[in-house]
Amino acid sequence: MKPRILMPVLAALVCVSVPLFGQAGGSAAGLPNTLTAQEQQQGWVLLFDGKTLDKWDVTPELAKVWKVVDGTIKAEMSGAGGTMLTKEEFDNFALKVEFRAHADINSGIILRSPKRGEKPAAGEKPVPGYELQIRDRNPGNYSSGDFLTGSVVNVGKAPHDAKIIPNQWNTIEATVNGDHFTVVFNGRKVVDARDARRASGALGLQLAHPEDVRHANIEFRNLKIRRLKGGATN
């Protein structure tokens, strides 16, 4: 008689389990480098699928710096640094990124960057992009000074207690809409500032001065972007 008692219990467990794998797009919620059904409906797109760097402009030199390793974009710390840019440009957008790093890393996410080889019009000066900092240390000889993790360099400083959680997945959510920049780092808003020097450009992953921190590391995953309408200054 005991097997008859167990059958309804087993059937109930099967019914509960099936929906967990029935997400739109063929991926369960929470899997790295995938979009949930809600994200797809909202217009999010992946900048990294966990397998290739097809959406990035990877020169031979940058291929030595940025590599796909175990579903992440990982920096090679033994050589020179470099910034790898997306092939597409973005003006107004929301960006979500996860990174895992050693606390001594010197890295960042570049926003609205000029494309490689882009030259200003005759008589005009080049307009650089924006650097969203991933760096807790300030050795005193870097041009970005004490714009530390979560800050947008020369635009808005994050509080100095906004620190990298070492060797765990940290989250960054940045919204760039017109001249308005907001940054949420590990669930906390750390920047809300304005700057209008550059209206569009590529996104970039930066590795800076690896010669100073050969022991450090950084890797990225779940890079997702959603274009915004507008450029409203609100």
C-alpha atoms as a PDB file:
ATOM      1  CA  MET A   1       0.000   0.000   0.000  1.00  0.00           C
ATOM      2  CA  LYS A   2       2.925   2.417   0.593  1.00  0.00           C
ATOM      3  CA  PRO A   3       3.736   2.846  -3.139  1.00  0.00           C
ATOM      4  CA  ARG A   4       0.136   4.029  -3.740  1.00  0.00           C
ATOM      5  CA  ILE A   5       0.558   6.726  -1.078  1.00  0.00           C
ATOM      6  CA  LEU A   6       3.786   8.005  -2.675  1.00  0.00           C
ATOM      7  CA  MET A   7       2.403   8.361  -6.212  1.00  0.00           C
ATOM      8  CA  PRO A   8       0.327  11.547  -5.630  1.00  0.00           C
ATOM      9  CA  VAL A   9       3.304  13.136  -3.862  1.00  0.00           C
ATOM     10  CA  LEU A  10       5.632  12.400  -6.800  1.00  0.00           C
ATOM     11  CA  ALA A  11       3.088  13.723  -9.279  1.00  0.00           C
ATOM     12  CA  ALA A  12       2.788  16.967  -7.315  1.00  0.00           C
ATOM     13  CA  LEU A  13       6.562  17.417  -7.301  1.00  0.00           C
ATOM     14  CA  VAL A  14       6.728  16.990 -11.084  1.00  0.00           C
ATOM     15  CA  CYS A  15       3.991  19.579 -11.596  1.00  0.00           C
ATOM     16  CA  VAL A  16       5.820  22.080  -9.391  1.00  0.00           C
ATOM     17  CA  SER A  17       9.171  21.536 -11.109  1.00  0.00           C
ATOM     18  CA  VAL A  18       8.149  21.841 -14.751  1.00  0.00           C
ATOM     19  CA  PRO A  19       7.393  25.622 -14.877  1.00  0.00           C
ATOM     20  CA  LEU A  20      10.887  26.474 -13.639  1.00  0.00           C
ATOM     21  CA  PHE A  21      12.262  25.475 -17.037  1.00  0.00           C
ATOM     22  CA  GLY A  22       9.467  26.901 -19.153  1.00  0.00           C
ATOM     23  CA  GLN A  23      10.750  30.479 -19.468  1.00  0.00           C
ATOM     24  CA  ALA A  24      10.376  32.374 -22.767  1.00  0.00           C
ATOM     25  CA  GLY A  25      13.506  32.342 -24.892  1.00  0.00           C
ATOM     26  CA  GLY A  26      14.472  28.899 -23.672  1.00  0.00           C
ATOM     27  CA  SER A  27      16.295  30.024 -20.524  1.00  0.00           C
ATOM     28  CA  ALA A  28      15.433  29.723 -16.869  1.00  0.00           C
ATOM     29  CA  ALA A  29      15.468  32.839 -14.718  1.00  0.00           C
ATOM     30  CA  GLY A  30      18.820  33.444 -13.116  1.00  0.00           C
ATOM     31  CA  LEU A  31      21.040  31.748 -15.696  1.00  0.00           C
ATOM     32  CA  PRO A  32      24.070  33.924 -16.503  1.00  0.00           C
ATOM     33  CA  ASN A  33      24.202  35.761 -19.823  1.00  0.00           C
ATOM     34  CA  THR A  34      20.538  35.226 -20.675  1.00  0.00           C
ATOM     35  CA  LEU A  35      17.460  37.435 -20.699  1.00  0.00           C
ATOM     36  CA  THR A  36      14.332  36.745 -18.709  1.00  0.00           C
ATOM     37  CA  ALA A  37      10.951  36.954 -20.419  1.00  0.00           C
ATOM     38  CA  GLN A  38      10.346  40.298 -18.708  1.00  0.00           C
ATOM     39  CA  GLU A  39      13.687  41.698 -19.873  1.00  0.00           C
ATOM     40  CA  GLN A  40      12.935  40.656 -23.438  1.00  0.00           C
ATOM     41  CA  GLN A  41       9.577  42.424 -23.298  1.00  0.00           C
ATOM     42  CA  GLN A  42      11.232  45.559 -21.908  1.00  0.00           C
ATOM     43  CA  GLY A  43      13.731  45.704 -24.764  1.00  0.00           C
ATOM     44  CA  TRP A  44      16.920  44.559 -23.070  1.00  0.00           C
ATOM     45  CA  VAL A  45      19.612  42.985 -25.253  1.00  0.00           C
ATOM     46  CA  LEU A  46      22.750  41.059 -24.355  1.00  0.00           C
ATOM     47  CA  LEU A  47      26.199  42.503 -25.031  1.00  0.00           C
ATOM     48  CA  PHE A  48      27.765  39.119 -24.226  1.00  0.00           C
ATOM     49  CA  ASP A  49      26.289  35.650 -24.747  1.00  0.00           C
ATOM     50  CA  GLY A  50      28.818  33.832 -22.563  1.00  0.00           C
ATOM     51  CA  LYS A  51      30.578  32.312 -25.571  1.00  0.00           C
ATOM     52  CA  THR A  52      31.845  34.927 -28.026  1.00  0.00           C
ATOM     53  CA  LEU A  53      32.889  38.569 -28.268  1.00  0.00           C
ATOM     54  CA  ASP A  54      30.921  39.097 -31.488  1.00  0.00           C
ATOM     55  CA  LYS A  55      29.438  42.395 -30.287  1.00  0.00           C
ATOM     56  CA  TRP A  56      32.838  43.855 -29.456  1.00  0.00           C
ATOM     57  CA  ASP A  57      35.581  45.421 -31.573  1.00  0.00           C
ATOM     58  CA  VAL A  58      38.464  43.102 -30.714  1.00  0.00           C
ATOM     59  CA  THR A  59      41.811  44.048 -32.222  1.00  0.00           C
ATOM     60  CA  PRO A  60      44.719  41.554 -32.141  1.00  0.00           C
ATOM     61  CA  GLU A  61      46.205  43.456 -29.194  1.00  0.00           C
ATOM     62  CA  LEU A  62      42.919  43.513 -27.275  1.00  0.00           C
ATOM     63  CA  ALA A  63      42.498  39.780 -27.869  1.00  0.00           C
ATOM     64  CA  LYS A  64      45.519  39.353 -25.593  1.00  0.00           C
ATOM     65  CA  VAL A  65      43.827  41.383 -22.855  1.00  0.00           C
ATOM     66  CA  TRP A  66      40.183  40.221 -22.938  1.00  0.00           C
ATOM     67  CA  LYS A  67      39.276  36.541 -23.193  1.00  0.00           C
ATOM     68  CA  VAL A  68      36.136  34.428 -22.826  1.00  0.00           C
ATOM     69  CA  VAL A  69      36.674  32.110 -19.845  1.00  0.00           C
ATOM     70  CA  ASP A  70      33.946  29.941 -18.291  1.00  0.00           C
ATOM     71  CA  GLY A  71      31.088  32.170 -19.426  1.00  0.00           C
ATOM     72  CA  THR A  72      32.785  35.441 -18.465  1.00  0.00           C
ATOM     73  CA  ILE A  73      34.853  38.158 -20.138  1.00  0.00           C
ATOM     74  CA  LYS A  74      38.080  37.914 -18.171  1.00  0.00           C
ATOM     75  CA  ALA A  75      41.086  40.243 -18.163  1.00  0.00           C
ATOM     76  CA  GLU A  76      44.564  38.825 -18.727  1.00  0.00           C
ATOM     77  CA  MET A  77      46.723  40.532 -16.117  1.00  0.00           C
ATOM     78  CA  SER A  78      50.170  39.478 -17.360  1.00  0.00           C
ATOM     79  CA  GLY A  79      50.424  41.942 -20.254  1.00  0.00           C
ATOM     80  CA  ALA A  80      49.391  45.484 -21.056  1.00  0.00           C
ATOM     81  CA  GLY A  81      45.993  46.947 -20.345  1.00  0.00           C
ATOM     82  CA  GLY A  82      43.439  48.109 -22.881  1.00  0.00           C
ATOM     83  CA  THR A  83      39.853  49.149 -23.506  1.00  0.00           C
ATOM     84  CA  MET A  84      37.603  46.943 -25.631  1.00  0.00           C
ATOM     85  CA  LEU A  85      34.677  48.804 -27.217  1.00  0.00           C
ATOM     86  CA  THR A  86      31.320  47.641 -28.519  1.00  0.00           C
ATOM     87  CA  LYS A  87      30.725  47.704 -32.260  1.00  0.00           C
ATOM     88  CA  GLU A  88      27.473  49.595 -31.738  1.00  0.00           C
ATOM     89  CA  GLU A  89      27.104  53.105 -30.374  1.00  0.00           C
ATOM     90  CA  PHE A  90      24.521  54.146 -27.799  1.00  0.00           C
ATOM     91  CA  ASP A  91      23.163  57.541 -26.835  1.00  0.00           C
ATOM     92  CA  ASN A  92      20.517  57.162 -24.095  1.00  0.00           C
ATOM     93  CA  PHE A  93      20.431  53.807 -22.320  1.00  0.00           C
ATOM     94  CA  ALA A  94      20.137  51.704 -19.185  1.00  0.00           C
ATOM     95  CA  LEU A  95      23.005  49.293 -18.556  1.00  0.00           C
ATOM     96  CA  LYS A  96      23.305  46.324 -16.208  1.00  0.00           C
ATOM     97  CA  VAL A  97      26.634  44.611 -15.524  1.00  0.00           C
ATOM     98  CA  GLU A  98      28.014  42.088 -13.059  1.00  0.00           C
ATOM     99  CA  PHE A  99      31.722  41.881 -12.249  1.00  0.00           C
ATOM    100  CA  ARG A 100      33.888  39.836  -9.911  1.00  0.00           C
ATOM    101  CA  ALA A 101      37.270  41.233  -8.962  1.00  0.00           C
ATOM    102  CA  HIS A 102      40.169  41.420  -6.563  1.00  0.00           C
ATOM    103  CA  ALA A 103      39.942  44.513  -4.369  1.00  0.00           C
ATOM    104  CA  ASP A 104      43.155  45.955  -5.865  1.00  0.00           C
ATOM    105  CA  ILE A 105      41.911  45.955  -9.469  1.00  0.00           C
ATOM    106  CA  ASN A 106      42.049  49.079 -11.638  1.00  0.00           C
ATOM    107  CA  SER A 107      39.251  48.748 -14.164  1.00  0.00           C
ATOM    108  CA  GLY A 108      36.155  50.508 -15.400  1.00  0.00           C
ATOM    109  CA  ILE A 109      33.236  50.682 -17.790  1.00  0.00           C
ATOM    110  CA  ILE A 110      33.476  53.336 -20.484  1.00  0.00           C
ATOM    111  CA  LEU A 111      30.284  55.148 -21.516  1.00  0.00           C
ATOM    112  CA  ARG A 112      29.714  57.056 -24.791  1.00  0.00           C
ATOM    113  CA  SER A 113      33.282  56.494 -25.951  1.00  0.00           C
ATOM    114  CA  PRO A 114      34.600  57.645 -29.332  1.00  0.00           C
ATOM    115  CA  LYS A 115      34.991  54.664 -31.659  1.00  0.00           C
ATOM    116  CA  ARG A 116      38.473  53.429 -32.454  1.00  0.00           C
ATOM    117  CA  GLY A 117      39.985  55.692 -35.091  1.00  0.00           C
ATOM    118  CA  GLU A 118      37.358  58.391 -34.698  1.00  0.00           C
ATOM    119  CA  LYS A 119      38.743  61.872 -35.371  1.00  0.00           C
ATOM    120  CA  PRO A 120      37.186  65.217 -34.458  1.00  0.00           C
ATOM    121  CA  ALA A 121      36.129  67.675 -37.122  1.00  0.00           C
ATOM    122  CA  ALA A 122      38.720  70.154 -38.327  1.00  0.00           C
ATOM    123  CA  GLY A 123      39.447  72.733 -35.658  1.00  0.00           C
ATOM    124  CA  GLU A 124      37.692  70.790 -32.897  1.00  0.00           C
ATOM    125  CA  LYS A 125      39.234  69.004 -29.939  1.00  0.00           C
ATOM    126  CA  PRO A 126      38.522  65.309 -29.312  1.00  0.00           C
ATOM    127  CA  VAL A 127      35.750  64.708 -26.792  1.00  0.00           C
ATOM    128  CA  PRO A 128      36.439  61.698 -24.570  1.00  0.00           C
ATOM    129  CA  GLY A 129      33.830  59.338 -23.222  1.00  0.00           C
ATOM    130  CA  TYR A 130      32.940  58.808 -19.578  1.00  0.00           C
ATOM    131  CA  GLU A 131      34.623  56.369 -17.198  1.00  0.00           C
ATOM    132  CA  LEU A 132      32.532  54.526 -14.631  1.00  0.00           C
ATOM    133  CA  GLN A 133      35.211  53.570 -12.167  1.00  0.00           C
ATOM    134  CA  ILE A 134      35.964  50.112 -10.754  1.00  0.00           C
ATOM    135  CA  ARG A 135      38.893  50.906  -8.493  1.00  0.00           C
ATOM    136  CA  ASP A 136      39.065  51.166  -4.693  1.00  0.00           C
ATOM    137  CA  ARG A 137      42.725  52.195  -4.463  1.00  0.00           C
ATOM    138  CA  ASN A 138      44.107  55.715  -4.932  1.00  0.00           C
ATOM    139  CA  PRO A 139      47.900  55.454  -5.091  1.00  0.00           C
ATOM    140  CA  GLY A 140      48.083  59.179  -5.811  1.00  0.00           C
ATOM    141  CA  ASN A 141      49.550  59.090  -9.315  1.00  0.00           C
ATOM    142  CA  TYR A 142      46.438  58.352 -11.406  1.00  0.00           C
ATOM    143  CA  SER A 143      44.761  61.113 -13.374  1.00  0.00           C
ATOM    144  CA  SER A 144      41.302  60.144 -12.092  1.00  0.00           C
ATOM    145  CA  GLY A 145      42.486  60.666  -8.502  1.00  0.00           C
ATOM    146  CA  ASP A 146      39.926  59.808  -5.859  1.00  0.00           C
ATOM    147  CA  PHE A 147      37.050  59.085  -8.227  1.00  0.00           C
ATOM    148  CA  LEU A 148      36.756  55.559  -6.900  1.00  0.00           C
ATOM    149  CA  THR A 149      34.431  52.582  -7.454  1.00  0.00           C
ATOM    150  CA  GLY A 150      30.979  53.595  -8.667  1.00  0.00           C
ATOM    151  CA  SER A 151      32.057  57.126  -9.596  1.00  0.00           C
ATOM    152  CA  VAL A 152      31.767  58.647 -13.054  1.00  0.00           C
ATOM    153  CA  VAL A 153      35.125  60.362 -13.424  1.00  0.00           C
ATOM    154  CA  ASN A 154      34.918  64.174 -13.420  1.00  0.00           C
ATOM    155  CA  VAL A 155      31.100  63.982 -13.269  1.00  0.00           C
ATOM    156  CA  GLY A 156      29.991  62.457  -9.954  1.00  0.00           C
ATOM    157  CA  LYS A 157      31.825  60.905  -7.014  1.00  0.00           C
ATOM    158  CA  ALA A 158      30.486  57.838  -5.276  1.00  0.00           C
ATOM    159  CA  PRO A 159      30.821  57.683  -1.485  1.00  0.00           C
ATOM    160  CA  HIS A 160      34.181  56.263  -0.439  1.00  0.00           C
ATOM    161  CA  ASP A 161      32.465  53.417   1.398  1.00  0.00           C
ATOM    162  CA  ALA A 162      31.129  52.073  -1.920  1.00  0.00           C
ATOM    163  CA  LYS A 163      33.696  49.300  -2.104  1.00  0.00           C
ATOM    164  CA  ILE A 164      34.203  46.250  -4.285  1.00  0.00           C
ATOM    165  CA  ILE A 165      33.091  43.069  -2.535  1.00  0.00           C
ATOM    166  CA  PRO A 166      36.199  40.980  -3.302  1.00  0.00           C
ATOM    167  CA  ASN A 167      35.796  37.790  -5.323  1.00  0.00           C
ATOM    168  CA  GLN A 168      31.992  37.959  -5.319  1.00  0.00           C
ATOM    169  CA  TRP A 169      29.639  39.141  -8.039  1.00  0.00           C
ATOM    170  CA  ASN A 170      29.087  42.886  -7.741  1.00  0.00           C
ATOM    171  CA  THR A 171      26.323  44.667  -9.681  1.00  0.00           C
ATOM    172  CA  ILE A 172      26.321  47.975 -11.522  1.00  0.00           C
ATOM    173  CA  GLU A 173      23.228  49.593 -13.002  1.00  0.00           C
ATOM    174  CA  ALA A 174      23.892  52.798 -14.916  1.00  0.00           C
ATOM    175  CA  THR A 175      21.310  55.014 -16.583  1.00  0.00           C
ATOM    176  CA  VAL A 176      22.512  57.626 -19.065  1.00  0.00           C
ATOM    177  CA  ASN A 177      19.720  59.802 -20.428  1.00  0.00           C
ATOM    178  CA  GLY A 178      20.644  63.084 -22.065  1.00  0.00           C
ATOM    179  CA  ASP A 179      22.927  64.847 -19.594  1.00  0.00           C
ATOM    180  CA  HIS A 180      21.649  62.834 -16.618  1.00  0.00           C
ATOM    181  CA  PHE A 181      23.828  60.058 -15.151  1.00  0.00           C
ATOM    182  CA  THR A 182      22.787  57.736 -12.336  1.00  0.00           C
ATOM    183  CA  VAL A 183      24.724  54.769 -10.974  1.00  0.00           C
ATOM    184  CA  VAL A 184      23.420  52.075  -8.635  1.00  0.00           C
ATOM    185  CA  PHE A 185      26.215  49.934  -7.196  1.00  0.00           C
ATOM    186  CA  ASN A 186      25.286  46.744  -5.342  1.00  0.00           C
ATOM    187  CA  GLY A 187      21.735  48.014  -4.909  1.00  0.00           C
ATOM    188  CA  ARG A 188      22.669  51.487  -3.626  1.00  0.00           C
ATOM    189  CA  LYS A 189      22.454  54.709  -5.639  1.00  0.00           C
ATOM    190  CA  VAL A 190      25.938  56.214  -5.519  1.00  0.00           C
ATOM    191  CA  VAL A 191      25.877  58.815  -8.331  1.00  0.00           C
ATOM    192  CA  ASP A 192      23.206  61.210  -9.566  1.00  0.00           C
ATOM    193  CA  ALA A 193      24.867  63.909 -11.649  1.00  0.00           C
ATOM    194  CA  ARG A 194      24.822  65.756 -14.971  1.00  0.00           C
ATOM    195  CA  ASP A 195      27.267  66.367 -17.794  1.00  0.00           C
ATOM    196  CA  ALA A 196      26.656  67.214 -21.445  1.00  0.00           C
ATOM    197  CA  ARG A 197      30.065  67.054 -23.084  1.00  0.00           C
ATOM    198  CA  ARG A 198      29.282  63.960 -25.179  1.00  0.00           C
ATOM    199  CA  ALA A 199      25.883  62.695 -26.383  1.00  0.00           C
ATOM    200  CA  SER A 200      26.650  59.225 -27.766  1.00  0.00           C
ATOM    201  CA  GLY A 201      29.341  56.628 -28.309  1.00  0.00           C
ATOM    202  CA  ALA A 202      30.410  53.045 -27.735  1.00  0.00           C
ATOM    203  CA  LEU A 203      30.574  51.170 -24.446  1.00  0.00           C
ATOM    204  CA  GLY A 204      33.886  49.808 -23.245  1.00  0.00           C
ATOM    205  CA  LEU A 205      35.525  47.473 -20.748  1.00  0.00           C
ATOM    206  CA  GLN A 206      38.757  48.937 -19.431  1.00  0.00           C
ATOM    207  CA  LEU A 207      41.791  47.369 -17.813  1.00  0.00           C
ATOM    208  CA  ALA A 208      44.209  50.037 -16.574  1.00  0.00           C
ATOM    209  CA  HIS A 209      47.763  49.725 -15.215  1.00  0.00           C
ATOM    210  CA  PRO A 210      47.837  45.939 -14.742  1.00  0.00           C
ATOM    211  CA  GLU A 211      51.588  46.287 -14.217  1.00  0.00           C
ATOM    212  CA  ASP A 212      50.780  47.764 -10.779  1.00  0.00           C
ATOM    213  CA  VAL A 213      48.555  44.871  -9.665  1.00  0.00           C
ATOM    214  CA  ARG A 214      49.611  41.662 -11.402  1.00  0.00           C
ATOM    215  CA  HIS A 215      48.067  39.695  -8.529  1.00  0.00           C
ATOM    216  CA  ALA A 216      44.603  41.155  -9.160  1.00  0.00           C
ATOM    217  CA  ASN A 217      41.854  39.950 -11.508  1.00  0.00           C
ATOM    218  CA  ILE A 218      38.489  40.957 -12.945  1.00  0.00           C
ATOM    219  CA  GLU A 219      35.793  39.235 -14.968  1.00  0.00           C
ATOM    220  CA  PHE A 220      32.429  40.394 -16.312  1.00  0.00           C
ATOM    221  CA  ARG A 221      29.133  38.691 -17.092  1.00  0.00           C
ATOM    222  CA  ASN A 222      25.447  39.555 -17.589  1.00  0.00           C
ATOM    223  CA  LEU A 223      26.145  42.666 -19.659  1.00  0.00           C
ATOM    224  CA  LYS A 224      22.712  43.920 -20.698  1.00  0.00           C
ATOM    225  CA  ILE A 225      21.605  47.179 -22.293  1.00  0.00           C
ATOM    226  CA  ARG A 226      18.282  48.815 -23.108  1.00  0.00           C
ATOM    227  CA  ARG A 227      17.993  51.877 -25.324  1.00  0.00           C
ATOM    228  CA  LEU A 228      15.953  54.742 -23.934  1.00  0.00           C
ATOM    229  CA  LYS A 229      13.867  57.219 -25.837  1.00  0.00           C
ATOM    230  CA  GLY A 230      14.535  60.792 -25.256  1.00  0.00           C
ATOM    231  CA  GLY A 231      17.477  62.539 -23.815  1.00  0.00           C
ATOM    232  CA  ALA A 232      15.140  64.337 -21.465  1.00  0.00           C
ATOM    233  CA  THR A 233      16.824  66.543 -18.882  1.00  0.00           C
ATOM    234  CA  ASN A 234      14.772  65.493 -15.894  1.00  0.00           C
END
